[in-house]
């Protein structure tokens, strides 16, 4: 399973950090830390299936619907 974040949609509200802190975090500028790795679209490496519930909650709670789960 992978998580995909559309960084063009993301407004750095940070709700995903509360739902799935094992995957999401904010950098020192208060932006989603994936912005340090990608510009438009962030695609994670394979994630452990045990994170699925937290990732689904993060995707559901995202006010911009910028998070997608693949697999």
C-alpha atoms as a PDB file:
ATOM      1  CA  UNK A   1       0.000   0.000   0.000  1.00  0.00           C
ATOM      2  CA  UNK A   2       1.188   3.512  -0.801  1.00  0.00           C
ATOM      3  CA  UNK A   3      -0.049   6.961   0.088  1.00  0.00           C
ATOM      4  CA  UNK A   4      -0.214   9.655  -2.566  1.00  0.00           C
ATOM      5  CA  UNK A   5      -0.456  13.317  -1.605  1.00  0.00           C
ATOM      6  CA  UNK A   6      -1.363  15.956  -4.174  1.00  0.00           C
ATOM      7  CA  UNK A   7       0.755  18.828  -2.904  1.00  0.00           C
ATOM      8  CA  UNK A   8      -1.051  21.249  -5.231  1.00  0.00           C
ATOM      9  CA  UNK A   9      -4.303  20.562  -3.371  1.00  0.00           C
ATOM     10  CA  UNK A  10      -2.760  20.375   0.103  1.00  0.00           C
ATOM     11  CA  UNK A  11      -3.037  23.572   2.155  1.00  0.00           C
ATOM     12  CA  UNK A  12      -0.992  22.272   5.111  1.00  0.00           C
ATOM     13  CA  UNK A  13      -3.940  22.145   7.526  1.00  0.00           C
ATOM     14  CA  UNK A  14      -2.158  19.283   9.294  1.00  0.00           C
ATOM     15  CA  UNK A  15      -5.210  17.168  10.124  1.00  0.00           C
ATOM     16  CA  UNK A  16      -3.432  14.159   8.629  1.00  0.00           C
ATOM     17  CA  UNK A  17      -0.681  14.527  11.242  1.00  0.00           C
ATOM     18  CA  UNK A  18      -3.201  13.866  14.013  1.00  0.00           C
ATOM     19  CA  UNK A  19      -4.702  10.861  12.231  1.00  0.00           C
ATOM     20  CA  UNK A  20      -1.494   9.171  11.088  1.00  0.00           C
ATOM     21  CA  UNK A  21       1.567  10.661  12.817  1.00  0.00           C
ATOM     22  CA  UNK A  22       3.608   7.605  11.789  1.00  0.00           C
ATOM     23  CA  UNK A  23       3.362   8.810   8.173  1.00  0.00           C
ATOM     24  CA  UNK A  24       2.599  12.551   8.213  1.00  0.00           C
ATOM     25  CA  UNK A  25       4.462  15.397   9.915  1.00  0.00           C
ATOM     26  CA  UNK A  26       4.965  19.115   9.538  1.00  0.00           C
ATOM     27  CA  UNK A  27       8.353  20.683   8.869  1.00  0.00           C
ATOM     28  CA  UNK A  28       9.800  23.697  10.685  1.00  0.00           C
ATOM     29  CA  UNK A  29       7.821  26.044   8.414  1.00  0.00           C
ATOM     30  CA  UNK A  30       4.522  24.416   9.383  1.00  0.00           C
ATOM     31  CA  UNK A  31       4.191  22.713   5.996  1.00  0.00           C
ATOM     32  CA  UNK A  32       3.632  19.048   5.297  1.00  0.00           C
ATOM     33  CA  UNK A  33       7.124  17.567   5.429  1.00  0.00           C
ATOM     34  CA  UNK A  34       6.644  15.874   2.040  1.00  0.00           C
ATOM     35  CA  UNK A  35       7.136  19.330   0.496  1.00  0.00           C
ATOM     36  CA  UNK A  36      10.835  18.906   1.280  1.00  0.00           C
ATOM     37  CA  UNK A  37      10.905  15.812  -0.979  1.00  0.00           C
ATOM     38  CA  UNK A  38       8.441  16.572  -3.790  1.00  0.00           C
ATOM     39  CA  UNK A  39       6.902  19.519  -5.615  1.00  0.00           C
ATOM     40  CA  UNK A  40       3.553  18.416  -7.073  1.00  0.00           C
ATOM     41  CA  UNK A  41       2.854  14.827  -6.110  1.00  0.00           C
ATOM     42  CA  UNK A  42       4.317  12.786  -3.281  1.00  0.00           C
ATOM     43  CA  UNK A  43       4.176   8.995  -3.575  1.00  0.00           C
ATOM     44  CA  UNK A  44       5.367   7.034  -0.551  1.00  0.00           C
ATOM     45  CA  UNK A  45       7.331   3.837  -0.503  1.00  0.00           C
ATOM     46  CA  UNK A  46       5.374   0.698   0.377  1.00  0.00           C
ATOM     47  CA  UNK A  47       3.754   1.151   3.791  1.00  0.00           C
ATOM     48  CA  UNK A  48       2.836  -1.513   6.293  1.00  0.00           C
ATOM     49  CA  UNK A  49      -0.763  -2.711   6.124  1.00  0.00           C
ATOM     50  CA  UNK A  50      -1.103  -1.999   9.856  1.00  0.00           C
ATOM     51  CA  UNK A  51      -1.243   1.721   8.960  1.00  0.00           C
ATOM     52  CA  UNK A  52      -4.301   1.379   6.706  1.00  0.00           C
ATOM     53  CA  UNK A  53      -6.929   2.505   9.241  1.00  0.00           C
ATOM     54  CA  UNK A  54      -4.934   5.593  10.209  1.00  0.00           C
ATOM     55  CA  UNK A  55      -4.266   6.452   6.560  1.00  0.00           C
ATOM     56  CA  UNK A  56      -7.912   6.037   5.617  1.00  0.00           C
ATOM     57  CA  UNK A  57      -8.861   8.363   8.462  1.00  0.00           C
ATOM     58  CA  UNK A  58      -6.246  10.886   7.306  1.00  0.00           C
ATOM     59  CA  UNK A  59      -7.608  10.747   3.752  1.00  0.00           C
ATOM     60  CA  UNK A  60     -11.188  11.162   5.001  1.00  0.00           C
ATOM     61  CA  UNK A  61     -10.397  14.052   7.331  1.00  0.00           C
ATOM     62  CA  UNK A  62      -8.265  16.020   4.841  1.00  0.00           C
ATOM     63  CA  UNK A  63     -10.264  19.210   4.127  1.00  0.00           C
ATOM     64  CA  UNK A  64      -8.733  19.463   0.643  1.00  0.00           C
ATOM     65  CA  UNK A  65      -9.106  15.734  -0.188  1.00  0.00           C
ATOM     66  CA  UNK A  66      -5.419  15.722  -1.183  1.00  0.00           C
ATOM     67  CA  UNK A  67      -4.636  12.217   0.139  1.00  0.00           C
ATOM     68  CA  UNK A  68      -5.169   8.984  -1.774  1.00  0.00           C
ATOM     69  CA  UNK A  69      -4.373   5.425  -0.740  1.00  0.00           C
ATOM     70  CA  UNK A  70      -3.219   3.033  -3.424  1.00  0.00           C
ATOM     71  CA  UNK A  71      -3.237  -0.705  -2.980  1.00  0.00           C
END
